[in-house]
Amino acid sequence: MHIDPIRVFWVPGCSACVKAKEFLTSLGVPFESVNLLENEQGAADLAALGARSLPVIARGGDFVFAQSLDQVAKFLGREHTGADRLSPEMLVRRWADFLGLASSLVADMPGELLEHRPIPRRDRTMRELAYHIYQIPDVFVRNVAGEFEDWAHHVNLPVPDAVRTTGDILAFGGRASAAMIGWWEGLDDRACLWTVQTYYGARPAWELLERQTWHSAQHVRQLEAVLQGFAVPLARTAPPRLYEGLPLPAGLWA
């Protein structure tokens, strides 16, 4: 009997894409890796599925958005219990720490690096990467407030034309960080067991909080690595303890 292969549609630099591929590997699930920057037919196949964002794991005409590993495991007929997870309070503290570190890194970034592309074939500059770190909490707060469900669309919107300098990025970052902290301080149910509507279904708020915390953390890792690669003097770098307990992918870009 023919069984359609598992296919993973992804692009380099996508944090959830790295995590999804590593998750399948950890389960011993063989898959076809479809890098959309290199595979035109793969892009057409993804469009035919009707999927609107990445990563996507597909088998034949069926697919799952790979933002929730619990959903991925269910799609594959596997179990996923996950490791011991950080509490919502600890996640918020870590997220605030990473956003603070990002501000230090952005402040240290030379202006001439703003248009540098860490991944030559992917159209994301350092300006866009730095801005994206703060897009994540900004969009998270609006998503949990019910403003929209498709957070992946909003978190990947282009950087506004008015945001050109590191100072502009830092100003946006300050507002986004304050909004995230303000959301937490005004929250009554800090167990975060209530659900949030997303484009891949209703998910526990704690799951989305965990996902977006490590999402920002992964991009801070990338930003720090690029700046170190250019030998930029950095006032601060991430201590290893900051990553402890977060389900980050092992890989940095792919």
C-alpha atoms as a PDB file:
ATOM      1  CA  MET A   1       0.000   0.000   0.000  1.00  0.00           C
ATOM      2  CA  HIS A   2       1.324   3.417  -0.971  1.00  0.00           C
ATOM      3  CA  ILE A   3       1.901   5.786   1.918  1.00  0.00           C
ATOM      4  CA  ASP A   4       2.522   9.436   1.132  1.00  0.00           C
ATOM      5  CA  PRO A   5       5.788  10.739   2.602  1.00  0.00           C
ATOM      6  CA  ILE A   6       5.910  13.390   5.294  1.00  0.00           C
ATOM      7  CA  ARG A   7       7.011  16.731   3.868  1.00  0.00           C
ATOM      8  CA  VAL A   8       8.176  19.758   5.862  1.00  0.00           C
ATOM      9  CA  PHE A   9       7.838  23.126   4.129  1.00  0.00           C
ATOM     10  CA  TRP A  10      10.204  25.709   5.570  1.00  0.00           C
ATOM     11  CA  VAL A  11      12.607  28.598   4.977  1.00  0.00           C
ATOM     12  CA  PRO A  12      15.996  29.287   6.615  1.00  0.00           C
ATOM     13  CA  GLY A  13      15.940  31.636   9.593  1.00  0.00           C
ATOM     14  CA  CYS A  14      12.383  30.682  10.579  1.00  0.00           C
ATOM     15  CA  SER A  15      12.506  29.731  14.266  1.00  0.00           C
ATOM     16  CA  ALA A  16       9.467  27.451  14.184  1.00  0.00           C
ATOM     17  CA  CYS A  17      10.766  25.761  11.019  1.00  0.00           C
ATOM     18  CA  VAL A  18      13.995  24.760  12.745  1.00  0.00           C
ATOM     19  CA  LYS A  19      12.041  23.504  15.749  1.00  0.00           C
ATOM     20  CA  ALA A  20       9.602  21.472  13.629  1.00  0.00           C
ATOM     21  CA  LYS A  21      12.361  19.671  11.734  1.00  0.00           C
ATOM     22  CA  GLU A  22      14.255  18.903  14.920  1.00  0.00           C
ATOM     23  CA  PHE A  23      11.060  17.590  16.513  1.00  0.00           C
ATOM     24  CA  LEU A  24      10.437  15.127  13.685  1.00  0.00           C
ATOM     25  CA  THR A  25      14.052  13.995  13.851  1.00  0.00           C
ATOM     26  CA  SER A  26      13.739  13.441  17.612  1.00  0.00           C
ATOM     27  CA  LEU A  27      10.719  11.210  16.975  1.00  0.00           C
ATOM     28  CA  GLY A  28      12.581   9.232  14.326  1.00  0.00           C
ATOM     29  CA  VAL A  29      10.108  10.337  11.656  1.00  0.00           C
ATOM     30  CA  PRO A  30      11.666  10.486   8.169  1.00  0.00           C
ATOM     31  CA  PHE A  31      10.619  13.482   6.107  1.00  0.00           C
ATOM     32  CA  GLU A  32      11.264  15.323   2.887  1.00  0.00           C
ATOM     33  CA  SER A  33      12.762  18.736   3.593  1.00  0.00           C
ATOM     34  CA  VAL A  34      11.252  21.366   1.268  1.00  0.00           C
ATOM     35  CA  ASN A  35      13.230  24.608   1.450  1.00  0.00           C
ATOM     36  CA  LEU A  36      10.998  27.109  -0.328  1.00  0.00           C
ATOM     37  CA  LEU A  37      13.969  29.342  -1.159  1.00  0.00           C
ATOM     38  CA  GLU A  38      15.413  26.559  -3.311  1.00  0.00           C
ATOM     39  CA  ASN A  39      12.402  24.519  -4.425  1.00  0.00           C
ATOM     40  CA  GLU A  40       9.973  26.216  -6.825  1.00  0.00           C
ATOM     41  CA  GLN A  41       7.822  23.094  -7.147  1.00  0.00           C
ATOM     42  CA  GLY A  42       7.641  22.933  -3.348  1.00  0.00           C
ATOM     43  CA  ALA A  43       6.257  26.465  -3.267  1.00  0.00           C
ATOM     44  CA  ALA A  44       3.609  25.458  -5.807  1.00  0.00           C
ATOM     45  CA  ASP A  45       2.761  22.346  -3.788  1.00  0.00           C
ATOM     46  CA  LEU A  46       2.363  24.430  -0.629  1.00  0.00           C
ATOM     47  CA  ALA A  47       0.064  26.858  -2.434  1.00  0.00           C
ATOM     48  CA  ALA A  48      -2.012  23.919  -3.676  1.00  0.00           C
ATOM     49  CA  LEU A  49      -2.485  22.769  -0.088  1.00  0.00           C
ATOM     50  CA  GLY A  50      -3.958  26.152   0.778  1.00  0.00           C
ATOM     51  CA  ALA A  51      -1.501  26.753   3.623  1.00  0.00           C
ATOM     52  CA  ARG A  52      -0.789  30.427   4.288  1.00  0.00           C
ATOM     53  CA  SER A  53       2.198  30.371   6.626  1.00  0.00           C
ATOM     54  CA  LEU A  54       5.222  28.328   7.642  1.00  0.00           C
ATOM     55  CA  PRO A  55       6.219  25.831   8.826  1.00  0.00           C
ATOM     56  CA  VAL A  56       3.816  23.267   7.420  1.00  0.00           C
ATOM     57  CA  ILE A  57       4.011  19.496   7.803  1.00  0.00           C
ATOM     58  CA  ALA A  58       2.068  17.606   5.154  1.00  0.00           C
ATOM     59  CA  ARG A  59       1.184  14.085   4.132  1.00  0.00           C
ATOM     60  CA  GLY A  60      -0.509  13.954   0.757  1.00  0.00           C
ATOM     61  CA  GLY A  61      -3.280  16.547   0.788  1.00  0.00           C
ATOM     62  CA  ASP A  62      -3.463  16.763   4.569  1.00  0.00           C
ATOM     63  CA  PHE A  63      -1.340  19.186   6.557  1.00  0.00           C
ATOM     64  CA  VAL A  64      -0.854  20.795   9.928  1.00  0.00           C
ATOM     65  CA  PHE A  65       0.612  24.170  10.815  1.00  0.00           C
ATOM     66  CA  ALA A  66       3.665  23.275  12.887  1.00  0.00           C
ATOM     67  CA  GLN A  67       3.388  26.058  15.472  1.00  0.00           C
ATOM     68  CA  SER A  68       2.113  23.665  18.161  1.00  0.00           C
ATOM     69  CA  LEU A  69       4.170  20.509  18.633  1.00  0.00           C
ATOM     70  CA  ASP A  70       1.180  18.950  20.390  1.00  0.00           C
ATOM     71  CA  GLN A  71      -0.792  19.322  17.167  1.00  0.00           C
ATOM     72  CA  VAL A  72       2.124  18.003  15.118  1.00  0.00           C
ATOM     73  CA  ALA A  73       2.351  14.904  17.331  1.00  0.00           C
ATOM     74  CA  LYS A  74      -1.390  14.300  16.962  1.00  0.00           C
ATOM     75  CA  PHE A  75      -1.104  14.659  13.165  1.00  0.00           C
ATOM     76  CA  LEU A  76       1.652  12.030  13.150  1.00  0.00           C
ATOM     77  CA  GLY A  77      -0.145   9.704  15.558  1.00  0.00           C
ATOM     78  CA  ARG A  78       2.551  10.165  18.191  1.00  0.00           C
ATOM     79  CA  GLU A  79       2.587  11.355  21.779  1.00  0.00           C
ATOM     80  CA  HIS A  80       4.217  14.553  22.935  1.00  0.00           C
ATOM     81  CA  THR A  81       4.357  15.206  26.625  1.00  0.00           C
ATOM     82  CA  GLY A  82       7.106  17.808  26.448  1.00  0.00           C
ATOM     83  CA  ALA A  83       9.702  18.508  29.099  1.00  0.00           C
ATOM     84  CA  ASP A  84       8.970  20.297  32.345  1.00  0.00           C
ATOM     85  CA  ARG A  85       7.772  23.704  31.289  1.00  0.00           C
ATOM     86  CA  LEU A  86       8.556  27.035  32.852  1.00  0.00           C
ATOM     87  CA  SER A  87       5.666  28.685  34.680  1.00  0.00           C
ATOM     88  CA  PRO A  88       3.907  31.605  32.967  1.00  0.00           C
ATOM     89  CA  GLU A  89       5.456  33.982  35.515  1.00  0.00           C
ATOM     90  CA  MET A  90       8.952  32.700  34.740  1.00  0.00           C
ATOM     91  CA  LEU A  91       8.281  32.912  31.004  1.00  0.00           C
ATOM     92  CA  VAL A  92       7.288  36.553  31.305  1.00  0.00           C
ATOM     93  CA  ARG A  93      10.442  37.292  33.311  1.00  0.00           C
ATOM     94  CA  ARG A  94      12.610  35.558  30.717  1.00  0.00           C
ATOM     95  CA  TRP A  95      10.847  37.315  27.875  1.00  0.00           C
ATOM     96  CA  ALA A  96      11.435  40.684  29.525  1.00  0.00           C
ATOM     97  CA  ASP A  97      15.108  39.759  30.001  1.00  0.00           C
ATOM     98  CA  PHE A  98      15.489  38.851  26.340  1.00  0.00           C
ATOM     99  CA  LEU A  99      13.782  42.017  25.191  1.00  0.00           C
ATOM    100  CA  GLY A 100      16.097  44.017  27.423  1.00  0.00           C
ATOM    101  CA  LEU A 101      19.104  42.194  25.980  1.00  0.00           C
ATOM    102  CA  ALA A 102      17.805  42.845  22.471  1.00  0.00           C
ATOM    103  CA  SER A 103      17.715  46.564  23.235  1.00  0.00           C
ATOM    104  CA  SER A 104      21.360  46.457  24.279  1.00  0.00           C
ATOM    105  CA  LEU A 105      22.326  44.556  21.105  1.00  0.00           C
ATOM    106  CA  VAL A 106      20.381  46.922  18.859  1.00  0.00           C
ATOM    107  CA  ALA A 107      21.986  49.923  20.551  1.00  0.00           C
ATOM    108  CA  ASP A 108      25.415  48.411  19.823  1.00  0.00           C
ATOM    109  CA  MET A 109      24.637  47.611  16.174  1.00  0.00           C
ATOM    110  CA  PRO A 110      26.473  49.853  13.686  1.00  0.00           C
ATOM    111  CA  GLY A 111      24.153  51.629  11.282  1.00  0.00           C
ATOM    112  CA  GLU A 112      25.936  50.137   8.281  1.00  0.00           C
ATOM    113  CA  LEU A 113      24.767  46.662   9.331  1.00  0.00           C
ATOM    114  CA  LEU A 114      21.078  47.530   9.265  1.00  0.00           C
ATOM    115  CA  GLU A 115      20.673  46.448   5.632  1.00  0.00           C
ATOM    116  CA  HIS A 116      22.949  43.422   5.909  1.00  0.00           C
ATOM    117  CA  ARG A 117      21.204  40.127   5.057  1.00  0.00           C
ATOM    118  CA  PRO A 118      22.369  37.278   7.333  1.00  0.00           C
ATOM    119  CA  ILE A 119      20.838  34.728   4.916  1.00  0.00           C
ATOM    120  CA  PRO A 120      21.724  35.881   1.389  1.00  0.00           C
ATOM    121  CA  ARG A 121      18.763  34.221  -0.342  1.00  0.00           C
ATOM    122  CA  ARG A 122      16.204  35.298   2.242  1.00  0.00           C
ATOM    123  CA  ASP A 123      14.940  38.843   2.037  1.00  0.00           C
ATOM    124  CA  ARG A 124      15.342  39.751   5.725  1.00  0.00           C
ATOM    125  CA  THR A 125      17.799  42.426   6.765  1.00  0.00           C
ATOM    126  CA  MET A 126      19.242  43.024  10.207  1.00  0.00           C
ATOM    127  CA  ARG A 127      16.874  45.981  10.527  1.00  0.00           C
ATOM    128  CA  GLU A 128      13.963  43.625   9.883  1.00  0.00           C
ATOM    129  CA  LEU A 129      15.327  40.944  12.212  1.00  0.00           C
ATOM    130  CA  ALA A 130      15.771  43.436  15.060  1.00  0.00           C
ATOM    131  CA  TYR A 131      12.302  44.904  14.516  1.00  0.00           C
ATOM    132  CA  HIS A 132      10.810  41.398  14.352  1.00  0.00           C
ATOM    133  CA  ILE A 133      12.073  40.603  17.861  1.00  0.00           C
ATOM    134  CA  TYR A 134       9.714  43.306  19.158  1.00  0.00           C
ATOM    135  CA  GLN A 135       6.926  42.535  16.708  1.00  0.00           C
ATOM    136  CA  ILE A 136       6.497  39.237  18.539  1.00  0.00           C
ATOM    137  CA  PRO A 137       5.377  40.697  21.932  1.00  0.00           C
ATOM    138  CA  ASP A 138       3.429  43.474  20.203  1.00  0.00           C
ATOM    139  CA  VAL A 139       1.436  40.923  18.187  1.00  0.00           C
ATOM    140  CA  PHE A 140       1.126  38.518  21.126  1.00  0.00           C
ATOM    141  CA  VAL A 141      -0.628  41.123  23.279  1.00  0.00           C
ATOM    142  CA  ARG A 142      -3.009  41.985  20.465  1.00  0.00           C
ATOM    143  CA  ASN A 143      -3.677  38.309  19.694  1.00  0.00           C
ATOM    144  CA  VAL A 144      -4.549  37.365  23.279  1.00  0.00           C
ATOM    145  CA  ALA A 145      -6.781  40.448  23.450  1.00  0.00           C
ATOM    146  CA  GLY A 146      -8.783  39.005  20.547  1.00  0.00           C
ATOM    147  CA  GLU A 147      -7.830  41.635  17.957  1.00  0.00           C
ATOM    148  CA  PHE A 148      -7.043  38.911  15.408  1.00  0.00           C
ATOM    149  CA  GLU A 149      -6.348  35.170  15.122  1.00  0.00           C
ATOM    150  CA  ASP A 150      -3.736  35.022  12.361  1.00  0.00           C
ATOM    151  CA  TRP A 151      -0.789  36.210  14.412  1.00  0.00           C
ATOM    152  CA  ALA A 152       1.708  34.798  11.885  1.00  0.00           C
ATOM    153  CA  HIS A 153       0.474  37.289   9.288  1.00  0.00           C
ATOM    154  CA  HIS A 154       0.791  40.253  11.639  1.00  0.00           C
ATOM    155  CA  VAL A 155       4.137  39.226  13.087  1.00  0.00           C
ATOM    156  CA  ASN A 156       5.645  39.168   9.593  1.00  0.00           C
ATOM    157  CA  LEU A 157       4.309  42.482   8.316  1.00  0.00           C
ATOM    158  CA  PRO A 158       6.995  44.723   6.774  1.00  0.00           C
ATOM    159  CA  VAL A 159       8.864  47.192   8.919  1.00  0.00           C
ATOM    160  CA  PRO A 160       7.137  50.596   8.627  1.00  0.00           C
ATOM    161  CA  ASP A 161       8.974  53.027   6.371  1.00  0.00           C
ATOM    162  CA  ALA A 162       9.334  55.419   9.304  1.00  0.00           C
ATOM    163  CA  VAL A 163      11.460  52.873  11.198  1.00  0.00           C
ATOM    164  CA  ARG A 164      14.892  53.421   9.657  1.00  0.00           C
ATOM    165  CA  THR A 165      17.437  53.724  12.455  1.00  0.00           C
ATOM    166  CA  THR A 166      18.409  51.758  15.539  1.00  0.00           C
ATOM    167  CA  GLY A 167      16.812  54.537  17.558  1.00  0.00           C
ATOM    168  CA  ASP A 168      13.524  53.991  15.732  1.00  0.00           C
ATOM    169  CA  ILE A 169      13.707  50.255  16.430  1.00  0.00           C
ATOM    170  CA  LEU A 170      14.465  50.867  20.100  1.00  0.00           C
ATOM    171  CA  ALA A 171      11.510  53.225  20.426  1.00  0.00           C
ATOM    172  CA  PHE A 172       9.168  50.575  19.038  1.00  0.00           C
ATOM    173  CA  GLY A 173      10.839  47.958  21.238  1.00  0.00           C
ATOM    174  CA  GLY A 174      10.217  50.034  24.339  1.00  0.00           C
ATOM    175  CA  ARG A 175       6.527  50.313  23.538  1.00  0.00           C
ATOM    176  CA  ALA A 176       6.175  46.610  22.736  1.00  0.00           C
ATOM    177  CA  SER A 177       8.006  45.548  25.891  1.00  0.00           C
ATOM    178  CA  ALA A 178       5.904  47.861  28.054  1.00  0.00           C
ATOM    179  CA  ALA A 179       2.708  46.500  26.479  1.00  0.00           C
ATOM    180  CA  MET A 180       3.736  42.916  27.248  1.00  0.00           C
ATOM    181  CA  ILE A 181       4.569  43.732  30.871  1.00  0.00           C
ATOM    182  CA  GLY A 182       1.381  45.774  31.206  1.00  0.00           C
ATOM    183  CA  TRP A 183      -0.633  42.832  29.899  1.00  0.00           C
ATOM    184  CA  TRP A 184       0.902  40.549  32.518  1.00  0.00           C
ATOM    185  CA  GLU A 185       0.469  42.986  35.388  1.00  0.00           C
ATOM    186  CA  GLY A 186      -3.193  43.447  34.524  1.00  0.00           C
ATOM    187  CA  LEU A 187      -3.881  39.734  34.162  1.00  0.00           C
ATOM    188  CA  ASP A 188      -6.205  38.091  36.690  1.00  0.00           C
ATOM    189  CA  ASP A 189      -5.677  34.420  35.703  1.00  0.00           C
ATOM    190  CA  ARG A 190      -1.907  34.027  35.664  1.00  0.00           C
ATOM    191  CA  ALA A 191      -2.093  30.250  35.294  1.00  0.00           C
ATOM    192  CA  CYS A 192      -2.907  31.052  31.647  1.00  0.00           C
ATOM    193  CA  LEU A 193      -5.148  28.008  31.265  1.00  0.00           C
ATOM    194  CA  TRP A 194      -7.683  29.953  29.199  1.00  0.00           C
ATOM    195  CA  THR A 195      -7.621  29.647  25.430  1.00  0.00           C
ATOM    196  CA  VAL A 196      -6.531  31.996  22.679  1.00  0.00           C
ATOM    197  CA  GLN A 197      -7.962  31.846  19.175  1.00  0.00           C
ATOM    198  CA  THR A 198      -5.217  31.366  16.594  1.00  0.00           C
ATOM    199  CA  TYR A 199      -5.188  30.516  12.891  1.00  0.00           C
ATOM    200  CA  TYR A 200      -4.423  26.908  13.852  1.00  0.00           C
ATOM    201  CA  GLY A 201      -7.220  26.634  16.392  1.00  0.00           C
ATOM    202  CA  ALA A 202      -7.923  27.504  20.019  1.00  0.00           C
ATOM    203  CA  ARG A 203      -4.747  26.996  22.038  1.00  0.00           C
ATOM    204  CA  PRO A 204      -3.948  27.347  25.759  1.00  0.00           C
ATOM    205  CA  ALA A 205      -2.621  30.809  26.576  1.00  0.00           C
ATOM    206  CA  TRP A 206       0.405  29.297  28.353  1.00  0.00           C
ATOM    207  CA  GLU A 207       1.356  27.437  25.151  1.00  0.00           C
ATOM    208  CA  LEU A 208       1.278  30.625  23.113  1.00  0.00           C
ATOM    209  CA  LEU A 209       3.170  32.508  25.828  1.00  0.00           C
ATOM    210  CA  GLU A 210       5.875  29.828  25.838  1.00  0.00           C
ATOM    211  CA  ARG A 211       6.011  29.744  22.041  1.00  0.00           C
ATOM    212  CA  GLN A 212       6.422  33.491  21.653  1.00  0.00           C
ATOM    213  CA  THR A 213       8.935  33.753  24.493  1.00  0.00           C
ATOM    214  CA  TRP A 214      11.327  31.331  22.834  1.00  0.00           C
ATOM    215  CA  HIS A 215      10.468  32.885  19.463  1.00  0.00           C
ATOM    216  CA  SER A 216      11.938  36.205  20.598  1.00  0.00           C
ATOM    217  CA  ALA A 217      14.804  34.382  22.328  1.00  0.00           C
ATOM    218  CA  GLN A 218      15.775  32.538  19.145  1.00  0.00           C
ATOM    219  CA  HIS A 219      15.960  35.761  17.149  1.00  0.00           C
ATOM    220  CA  VAL A 220      17.998  37.405  19.909  1.00  0.00           C
ATOM    221  CA  ARG A 221      20.421  34.465  19.551  1.00  0.00           C
ATOM    222  CA  GLN A 222      20.619  35.149  15.829  1.00  0.00           C
ATOM    223  CA  LEU A 223      21.139  38.875  16.280  1.00  0.00           C
ATOM    224  CA  GLU A 224      23.891  38.329  18.828  1.00  0.00           C
ATOM    225  CA  ALA A 225      25.616  35.731  16.619  1.00  0.00           C
ATOM    226  CA  VAL A 226      25.688  38.046  13.595  1.00  0.00           C
ATOM    227  CA  LEU A 227      27.064  40.968  15.599  1.00  0.00           C
ATOM    228  CA  GLN A 228      29.739  38.738  17.118  1.00  0.00           C
ATOM    229  CA  GLY A 229      30.578  37.507  13.618  1.00  0.00           C
ATOM    230  CA  PHE A 230      31.300  41.106  12.648  1.00  0.00           C
ATOM    231  CA  ALA A 231      33.343  41.564  15.851  1.00  0.00           C
ATOM    232  CA  VAL A 232      31.034  44.324  17.073  1.00  0.00           C
ATOM    233  CA  PRO A 233      31.850  45.240  20.696  1.00  0.00           C
ATOM    234  CA  LEU A 234      28.823  44.255  22.773  1.00  0.00           C
ATOM    235  CA  ALA A 235      27.943  45.714  26.154  1.00  0.00           C
ATOM    236  CA  ARG A 236      25.910  42.613  27.004  1.00  0.00           C
ATOM    237  CA  THR A 237      25.532  39.053  25.785  1.00  0.00           C
ATOM    238  CA  ALA A 238      23.113  36.339  26.839  1.00  0.00           C
ATOM    239  CA  PRO A 239      24.278  34.220  29.804  1.00  0.00           C
ATOM    240  CA  PRO A 240      23.558  30.483  29.282  1.00  0.00           C
ATOM    241  CA  ARG A 241      21.102  30.470  32.214  1.00  0.00           C
ATOM    242  CA  LEU A 242      18.772  32.729  30.231  1.00  0.00           C
ATOM    243  CA  TYR A 243      18.065  29.891  27.791  1.00  0.00           C
ATOM    244  CA  GLU A 244      17.562  27.192  30.422  1.00  0.00           C
ATOM    245  CA  GLY A 245      14.125  25.592  30.334  1.00  0.00           C
ATOM    246  CA  LEU A 246      13.076  27.180  27.058  1.00  0.00           C
ATOM    247  CA  PRO A 247      12.252  24.754  24.218  1.00  0.00           C
ATOM    248  CA  LEU A 248      14.532  26.476  21.726  1.00  0.00           C
ATOM    249  CA  PRO A 249      15.753  24.613  18.647  1.00  0.00           C
ATOM    250  CA  ALA A 250      19.382  23.538  18.682  1.00  0.00           C
ATOM    251  CA  GLY A 251      20.007  25.024  15.254  1.00  0.00           C
ATOM    252  CA  LEU A 252      20.437  28.739  14.733  1.00  0.00           C
ATOM    253  CA  TRP A 253      19.256  29.269  11.158  1.00  0.00           C
ATOM    254  CA  ALA A 254      18.246  26.012   9.458  1.00  0.00           C
END
